[in-house]
PDB file of N, CA and C in Angstrom:
ATOM      1  N   MET A   1       8.125 -14.468  21.444  1.00  0.00           N
ATOM      2  CA  MET A   1       9.048 -13.741  20.588  1.00  0.00           C
ATOM      3  C   MET A   1       8.388 -12.438  20.147  1.00  0.00           C
ATOM      4  N   ALA A   2       9.061 -11.345  20.320  1.00  0.00           N
ATOM      5  CA  ALA A   2       8.521 -10.026  19.965  1.00  0.00           C
ATOM      6  C   ALA A   2       8.596  -9.801  18.461  1.00  0.00           C
ATOM      7  N   PHE A   3       7.661  -9.010  17.962  1.00  0.00           N
ATOM      8  CA  PHE A   3       7.629  -8.657  16.545  1.00  0.00           C
ATOM      9  C   PHE A   3       8.715  -7.636  16.249  1.00  0.00           C
ATOM     10  N   ASP A   4       9.514  -7.898  15.217  1.00  0.00           N
ATOM     11  CA  ASP A   4      10.577  -6.991  14.802  1.00  0.00           C
ATOM     12  C   ASP A   4      10.096  -6.197  13.594  1.00  0.00           C
ATOM     13  N   LYS A   5       9.880  -4.892  13.743  1.00  0.00           N
ATOM     14  CA  LYS A   5       9.354  -4.059  12.662  1.00  0.00           C
ATOM     15  C   LYS A   5      10.280  -4.032  11.451  1.00  0.00           C
ATOM     16  N   GLU A   6      11.565  -4.277  11.653  1.00  0.00           N
ATOM     17  CA  GLU A   6      12.535  -4.241  10.558  1.00  0.00           C
ATOM     18  C   GLU A   6      12.580  -5.556   9.779  1.00  0.00           C
ATOM     19  N   GLU A   7      12.053  -6.627  10.373  1.00  0.00           N
ATOM     20  CA  GLU A   7      12.065  -7.929   9.708  1.00  0.00           C
ATOM     21  C   GLU A   7      11.013  -7.946   8.597  1.00  0.00           C
ATOM     22  N   LYS A   8      11.425  -8.389   7.417  1.00  0.00           N
ATOM     23  CA  LYS A   8      10.519  -8.433   6.291  1.00  0.00           C
ATOM     24  C   LYS A   8       9.590  -9.637   6.413  1.00  0.00           C
ATOM     25  N   ILE A   9       8.298  -9.415   6.311  1.00  0.00           N
ATOM     26  CA  ILE A   9       7.305 -10.466   6.455  1.00  0.00           C
ATOM     27  C   ILE A   9       7.275 -11.359   5.226  1.00  0.00           C
ATOM     28  N   ASN A  10       7.336 -10.767   4.070  1.00  0.00           N
ATOM     29  CA  ASN A  10       7.247 -11.470   2.800  1.00  0.00           C
ATOM     30  C   ASN A  10       8.314 -10.875   1.888  1.00  0.00           C
ATOM     31  N   GLU A  11       9.105 -11.712   1.254  1.00  0.00           N
ATOM     32  CA  GLU A  11      10.203 -11.229   0.414  1.00  0.00           C
ATOM     33  C   GLU A  11       9.754 -10.282  -0.690  1.00  0.00           C
ATOM     34  N   ASN A  12       8.539 -10.483  -1.223  1.00  0.00           N
ATOM     35  CA  ASN A  12       8.031  -9.664  -2.321  1.00  0.00           C
ATOM     36  C   ASN A  12       7.217  -8.464  -1.849  1.00  0.00           C
ATOM     37  N   ALA A  13       7.086  -8.305  -0.552  1.00  0.00           N
ATOM     38  CA  ALA A  13       6.225  -7.255  -0.008  1.00  0.00           C
ATOM     39  C   ALA A  13       6.858  -5.881  -0.119  1.00  0.00           C
ATOM     40  N   ALA A  14       6.015  -4.896  -0.342  1.00  0.00           N
ATOM     41  CA  ALA A  14       6.443  -3.505  -0.291  1.00  0.00           C
ATOM     42  C   ALA A  14       6.776  -3.171   1.160  1.00  0.00           C
ATOM     43  N   VAL A  15       7.369  -2.017   1.376  1.00  0.00           N
ATOM     44  CA  VAL A  15       7.712  -1.593   2.729  1.00  0.00           C
ATOM     45  C   VAL A  15       6.877  -0.367   3.112  1.00  0.00           C
ATOM     46  N   LEU A  16       6.864  -0.057   4.389  1.00  0.00           N
ATOM     47  CA  LEU A  16       6.118   1.108   4.869  1.00  0.00           C
ATOM     48  C   LEU A  16       6.510   2.366   4.111  1.00  0.00           C
ATOM     49  N   ASN A  17       5.526   3.160   3.772  1.00  0.00           N
ATOM     50  CA  ASN A  17       5.675   4.442   3.072  1.00  0.00           C
ATOM     51  C   ASN A  17       6.131   4.304   1.625  1.00  0.00           C
ATOM     52  N   GLU A  18       6.152   3.082   1.094  1.00  0.00           N
ATOM     53  CA  GLU A  18       6.523   2.897  -0.307  1.00  0.00           C
ATOM     54  C   GLU A  18       5.325   3.210  -1.202  1.00  0.00           C
ATOM     55  N   LYS A  19       5.601   3.837  -2.330  1.00  0.00           N
ATOM     56  CA  LYS A  19       4.545   4.074  -3.319  1.00  0.00           C
ATOM     57  C   LYS A  19       4.385   2.802  -4.143  1.00  0.00           C
ATOM     58  N   ILE A  20       3.143   2.331  -4.269  1.00  0.00           N
ATOM     59  CA  ILE A  20       2.840   1.166  -5.085  1.00  0.00           C
ATOM     60  C   ILE A  20       1.814   1.569  -6.145  1.00  0.00           C
ATOM     61  N   ILE A  21       1.702   0.736  -7.170  1.00  0.00           N
ATOM     62  CA  ILE A  21       0.706   0.946  -8.219  1.00  0.00           C
ATOM     63  C   ILE A  21      -0.284  -0.206  -8.142  1.00  0.00           C
ATOM     64  N   TYR A  22      -1.545   0.120  -7.922  1.00  0.00           N
ATOM     65  CA  TYR A  22      -2.610  -0.883  -7.860  1.00  0.00           C
ATOM     66  C   TYR A  22      -3.709  -0.470  -8.824  1.00  0.00           C
ATOM     67  N   ASP A  23      -4.006  -1.328  -9.765  1.00  0.00           N
ATOM     68  CA  ASP A  23      -5.070  -1.063 -10.740  1.00  0.00           C
ATOM     69  C   ASP A  23      -4.860   0.277 -11.444  1.00  0.00           C
ATOM     70  N   GLY A  24      -3.583   0.603 -11.695  1.00  0.00           N
ATOM     71  CA  GLY A  24      -3.252   1.847 -12.374  1.00  0.00           C
ATOM     72  C   GLY A  24      -3.258   3.083 -11.484  1.00  0.00           C
ATOM     73  N   LEU A  25      -3.479   2.899 -10.201  1.00  0.00           N
ATOM     74  CA  LEU A  25      -3.580   4.013  -9.256  1.00  0.00           C
ATOM     75  C   LEU A  25      -2.414   4.010  -8.279  1.00  0.00           C
ATOM     76  N   GLU A  26      -1.902   5.198  -7.966  1.00  0.00           N
ATOM     77  CA  GLU A  26      -0.803   5.303  -7.016  1.00  0.00           C
ATOM     78  C   GLU A  26      -1.327   5.286  -5.588  1.00  0.00           C
ATOM     79  N   MET A  27      -0.629   4.491  -4.749  1.00  0.00           N
ATOM     80  CA  MET A  27      -1.014   4.364  -3.354  1.00  0.00           C
ATOM     81  C   MET A  27       0.227   4.394  -2.482  1.00  0.00           C
ATOM     82  N   LYS A  28       0.022   4.688  -1.204  1.00  0.00           N
ATOM     83  CA  LYS A  28       1.106   4.688  -0.222  1.00  0.00           C
ATOM     84  C   LYS A  28       0.842   3.579   0.789  1.00  0.00           C
ATOM     85  N   VAL A  29       1.835   2.725   1.025  1.00  0.00           N
ATOM     86  CA  VAL A  29       1.710   1.621   1.971  1.00  0.00           C
ATOM     87  C   VAL A  29       1.733   2.176   3.393  1.00  0.00           C
ATOM     88  N   ILE A  30       0.710   1.804   4.179  1.00  0.00           N
ATOM     89  CA  ILE A  30       0.645   2.278   5.566  1.00  0.00           C
ATOM     90  C   ILE A  30       0.797   1.137   6.573  1.00  0.00           C
ATOM     91  N   ALA A  31       0.709  -0.127   6.092  1.00  0.00           N
ATOM     92  CA  ALA A  31       0.927  -1.293   6.949  1.00  0.00           C
ATOM     93  C   ALA A  31       1.229  -2.488   6.059  1.00  0.00           C
ATOM     94  N   VAL A  32       2.058  -3.400   6.579  1.00  0.00           N
ATOM     95  CA  VAL A  32       2.444  -4.595   5.823  1.00  0.00           C
ATOM     96  C   VAL A  32       2.055  -5.832   6.631  1.00  0.00           C
ATOM     97  N   TYR A  33       1.392  -6.774   5.970  1.00  0.00           N
ATOM     98  CA  TYR A  33       0.951  -8.022   6.591  1.00  0.00           C
ATOM     99  C   TYR A  33       1.504  -9.202   5.800  1.00  0.00           C
ATOM    100  N   ASN A  34       1.254 -10.425   6.272  1.00  0.00           N
ATOM    101  CA  ASN A  34       1.770 -11.624   5.596  1.00  0.00           C
ATOM    102  C   ASN A  34       1.358 -11.704   4.136  1.00  0.00           C
ATOM    103  N   ASN A  35       0.097 -11.492   3.851  1.00  0.00           N
ATOM    104  CA  ASN A  35      -0.420 -11.683   2.495  1.00  0.00           C
ATOM    105  C   ASN A  35      -0.839 -10.412   1.784  1.00  0.00           C
ATOM    106  N   SER A  36      -0.769  -9.279   2.461  1.00  0.00           N
ATOM    107  CA  SER A  36      -1.270  -8.047   1.853  1.00  0.00           C
ATOM    108  C   SER A  36      -0.640  -6.818   2.507  1.00  0.00           C
ATOM    109  N   VAL A  37      -0.973  -5.671   1.924  1.00  0.00           N
ATOM    110  CA  VAL A  37      -0.608  -4.395   2.528  1.00  0.00           C
ATOM    111  C   VAL A  37      -1.878  -3.582   2.701  1.00  0.00           C
ATOM    112  N   ALA A  38      -1.859  -2.686   3.652  1.00  0.00           N
ATOM    113  CA  ALA A  38      -2.909  -1.674   3.754  1.00  0.00           C
ATOM    114  C   ALA A  38      -2.308  -0.437   3.114  1.00  0.00           C
ATOM    115  N   ALA A  39      -3.062   0.182   2.224  1.00  0.00           N
ATOM    116  CA  ALA A  39      -2.528   1.334   1.498  1.00  0.00           C
ATOM    117  C   ALA A  39      -3.606   2.391   1.329  1.00  0.00           C
ATOM    118  N   GLU A  40      -3.162   3.638   1.185  1.00  0.00           N
ATOM    119  CA  GLU A  40      -4.095   4.732   0.963  1.00  0.00           C
ATOM    120  C   GLU A  40      -3.798   5.377  -0.387  1.00  0.00           C
ATOM    121  N   PHE A  41      -4.862   5.806  -1.052  1.00  0.00           N
ATOM    122  CA  PHE A  41      -4.728   6.430  -2.358  1.00  0.00           C
ATOM    123  C   PHE A  41      -4.026   7.771  -2.211  1.00  0.00           C
ATOM    124  N   LEU A  42      -3.121   8.074  -3.135  1.00  0.00           N
ATOM    125  CA  LEU A  42      -2.443   9.373  -3.100  1.00  0.00           C
ATOM    126  C   LEU A  42      -3.375  10.477  -3.544  1.00  0.00           C
ATOM    127  N   GLU A  43      -4.318  10.154  -4.430  1.00  0.00           N
ATOM    128  CA  GLU A  43      -5.346  11.114  -4.842  1.00  0.00           C
ATOM    129  C   GLU A  43      -6.712  10.507  -4.552  1.00  0.00           C
ATOM    130  N   PHE A  44      -7.438  11.133  -3.657  1.00  0.00           N
ATOM    131  CA  PHE A  44      -8.748  10.621  -3.274  1.00  0.00           C
ATOM    132  C   PHE A  44      -9.716  11.780  -3.178  1.00  0.00           C
ATOM    133  N   PRO A  45     -10.941  11.644  -3.642  1.00  0.00           N
ATOM    134  CA  PRO A  45     -11.554  10.448  -4.220  1.00  0.00           C
ATOM    135  C   PRO A  45     -10.994  10.139  -5.609  1.00  0.00           C
ATOM    136  N   VAL A  46     -11.140   8.876  -6.014  1.00  0.00           N
ATOM    137  CA  VAL A  46     -10.659   8.428  -7.316  1.00  0.00           C
ATOM    138  C   VAL A  46     -11.710   8.840  -8.344  1.00  0.00           C
ATOM    139  N   LYS A  47     -11.399   9.863  -9.106  1.00  0.00           N
ATOM    140  CA  LYS A  47     -12.367  10.425 -10.059  1.00  0.00           C
ATOM    141  C   LYS A  47     -12.836   9.385 -11.069  1.00  0.00           C
ATOM    142  N   GLY A  48     -14.162   9.273 -11.203  1.00  0.00           N
ATOM    143  CA  GLY A  48     -14.765   8.325 -12.136  1.00  0.00           C
ATOM    144  C   GLY A  48     -14.859   6.912 -11.610  1.00  0.00           C
ATOM    145  N   ARG A  49     -14.269   6.654 -10.437  1.00  0.00           N
ATOM    146  CA  ARG A  49     -14.298   5.298  -9.877  1.00  0.00           C
ATOM    147  C   ARG A  49     -14.696   5.325  -8.395  1.00  0.00           C
ATOM    148  N   GLU A  50     -15.485   6.321  -8.044  1.00  0.00           N
ATOM    149  CA  GLU A  50     -15.903   6.458  -6.651  1.00  0.00           C
ATOM    150  C   GLU A  50     -16.642   5.229  -6.138  1.00  0.00           C
ATOM    151  N   ALA A  51     -17.416   4.573  -6.991  1.00  0.00           N
ATOM    152  CA  ALA A  51     -18.151   3.379  -6.573  1.00  0.00           C
ATOM    153  C   ALA A  51     -17.207   2.201  -6.324  1.00  0.00           C
ATOM    154  N   ASP A  52     -16.131   2.137  -7.098  1.00  0.00           N
ATOM    155  CA  ASP A  52     -15.149   1.060  -6.922  1.00  0.00           C
ATOM    156  C   ASP A  52     -14.326   1.257  -5.654  1.00  0.00           C
ATOM    157  N   PHE A  53     -14.026   2.503  -5.336  1.00  0.00           N
ATOM    158  CA  PHE A  53     -13.168   2.831  -4.197  1.00  0.00           C
ATOM    159  C   PHE A  53     -13.836   3.894  -3.328  1.00  0.00           C
ATOM    160  N   PRO A  54     -14.822   3.493  -2.503  1.00  0.00           N
ATOM    161  CA  PRO A  54     -15.537   4.471  -1.679  1.00  0.00           C
ATOM    162  C   PRO A  54     -14.733   4.964  -0.470  1.00  0.00           C
ATOM    163  N   TYR A  55     -13.629   4.280  -0.150  1.00  0.00           N
ATOM    164  CA  TYR A  55     -12.820   4.643   1.010  1.00  0.00           C
ATOM    165  C   TYR A  55     -11.418   5.035   0.571  1.00  0.00           C
ATOM    166  N   SER A  56     -10.734   5.837   1.368  1.00  0.00           N
ATOM    167  CA  SER A  56      -9.402   6.323   1.010  1.00  0.00           C
ATOM    168  C   SER A  56      -8.321   5.274   1.226  1.00  0.00           C
ATOM    169  N   ARG A  57      -8.659   4.213   1.956  1.00  0.00           N
ATOM    170  CA  ARG A  57      -7.696   3.144   2.238  1.00  0.00           C
ATOM    171  C   ARG A  57      -8.294   1.795   1.877  1.00  0.00           C
ATOM    172  N   THR A  58      -7.403   0.845   1.525  1.00  0.00           N
ATOM    173  CA  THR A  58      -7.858  -0.504   1.207  1.00  0.00           C
ATOM    174  C   THR A  58      -6.718  -1.500   1.425  1.00  0.00           C
ATOM    175  N   ALA A  59      -7.059  -2.780   1.491  1.00  0.00           N
ATOM    176  CA  ALA A  59      -6.064  -3.850   1.578  1.00  0.00           C
ATOM    177  C   ALA A  59      -5.814  -4.382   0.175  1.00  0.00           C
ATOM    178  N   VAL A  60      -4.538  -4.647  -0.129  1.00  0.00           N
ATOM    179  CA  VAL A  60      -4.167  -5.137  -1.448  1.00  0.00           C
ATOM    180  C   VAL A  60      -3.242  -6.345  -1.276  1.00  0.00           C
ATOM    181  N   ASN A  61      -3.598  -7.461  -1.897  1.00  0.00           N
ATOM    182  CA  ASN A  61      -2.770  -8.662  -1.856  1.00  0.00           C
ATOM    183  C   ASN A  61      -1.426  -8.374  -2.520  1.00  0.00           C
ATOM    184  N   HIS A  62      -0.356  -8.993  -2.021  1.00  0.00           N
ATOM    185  CA  HIS A  62       0.978  -8.767  -2.565  1.00  0.00           C
ATOM    186  C   HIS A  62       1.062  -9.083  -4.060  1.00  0.00           C
ATOM    187  N   LYS A  63       0.235  -9.996  -4.531  1.00  0.00           N
ATOM    188  CA  LYS A  63       0.264 -10.393  -5.946  1.00  0.00           C
ATOM    189  C   LYS A  63      -0.387  -9.357  -6.856  1.00  0.00           C
ATOM    190  N   ASN A  64      -1.112  -8.394  -6.277  1.00  0.00           N
ATOM    191  CA  ASN A  64      -1.945  -7.492  -7.075  1.00  0.00           C
ATOM    192  C   ASN A  64      -1.429  -6.071  -7.220  1.00  0.00           C
ATOM    193  N   TYR A  65      -0.238  -5.787  -6.744  1.00  0.00           N
ATOM    194  CA  TYR A  65       0.303  -4.442  -6.912  1.00  0.00           C
ATOM    195  C   TYR A  65       1.717  -4.512  -7.487  1.00  0.00           C
ATOM    196  N   LYS A  66       2.141  -3.383  -8.028  1.00  0.00           N
ATOM    197  CA  LYS A  66       3.493  -3.269  -8.564  1.00  0.00           C
ATOM    198  C   LYS A  66       4.290  -2.352  -7.643  1.00  0.00           C
ATOM    199  N   ARG A  67       5.469  -2.797  -7.255  1.00  0.00           N
ATOM    200  CA  ARG A  67       6.334  -1.974  -6.410  1.00  0.00           C
ATOM    201  C   ARG A  67       7.046  -0.924  -7.245  1.00  0.00           C
ATOM    202  N   THR A  68       7.233   0.257  -6.670  1.00  0.00           N
ATOM    203  CA  THR A  68       8.013   1.304  -7.338  1.00  0.00           C
ATOM    204  C   THR A  68       9.368   1.481  -6.658  1.00  0.00           C
ATOM    205  N   HIS A  69       9.496   0.987  -5.428  1.00  0.00           N
ATOM    206  CA  HIS A  69      10.697   1.134  -4.607  1.00  0.00           C
ATOM    207  C   HIS A  69      10.971   2.597  -4.251  1.00  0.00           C
ATOM    208  N   GLU A  70       9.960   3.446  -4.428  1.00  0.00           N
ATOM    209  CA  GLU A  70      10.066   4.864  -4.077  1.00  0.00           C
ATOM    210  C   GLU A  70       9.434   5.050  -2.697  1.00  0.00           C
ATOM    211  N   ILE A  71      10.215   5.585  -1.767  1.00  0.00           N
ATOM    212  CA  ILE A  71       9.724   5.816  -0.406  1.00  0.00           C
ATOM    213  C   ILE A  71       9.214   7.257  -0.315  1.00  0.00           C
ATOM    214  N   LEU A  72       7.986   7.388   0.135  1.00  0.00           N
ATOM    215  CA  LEU A  72       7.361   8.704   0.289  1.00  0.00           C
ATOM    216  C   LEU A  72       7.579   9.212   1.694  1.00  0.00           C
ATOM    217  N   GLU A  73       7.572  10.511   1.859  1.00  0.00           N
ATOM    218  CA  GLU A  73       7.730  11.109   3.188  1.00  0.00           C
ATOM    219  C   GLU A  73       6.513  10.790   4.035  1.00  0.00           C
ATOM    220  N   GLU A  74       6.762  10.649   5.330  1.00  0.00           N
ATOM    221  CA  GLU A  74       5.653  10.435   6.263  1.00  0.00           C
ATOM    222  C   GLU A  74       4.894  11.734   6.447  1.00  0.00           C
ATOM    223  N   THR A  75       3.563  11.610   6.526  1.00  0.00           N
ATOM    224  CA  THR A  75       2.730  12.773   6.819  1.00  0.00           C
ATOM    225  C   THR A  75       1.945  12.492   8.080  1.00  0.00           C
ATOM    226  N   ASN A  76       1.726  13.508   8.873  1.00  0.00           N
ATOM    227  CA  ASN A  76       0.978  13.308  10.132  1.00  0.00           C
ATOM    228  C   ASN A  76      -0.444  13.717   9.984  1.00  0.00           C
TER     229      ASN A  76
END
């Protein structure tokens, strides 16, 4: 059975290009998985928290972010 990109993996999951809030920081969802999303910070580096977030992207469990339901434009 082929993977359907339009099929929602998890009912509570954010969708591609959605802005989410994680630990008070705004992020953009770049991939959605069963238990988590891969997201990139909208402002990087995270000032004052560089040690906590040394990379511009991270995985976030669905239970640990807040959805905004705001879809951001794709950037290349």
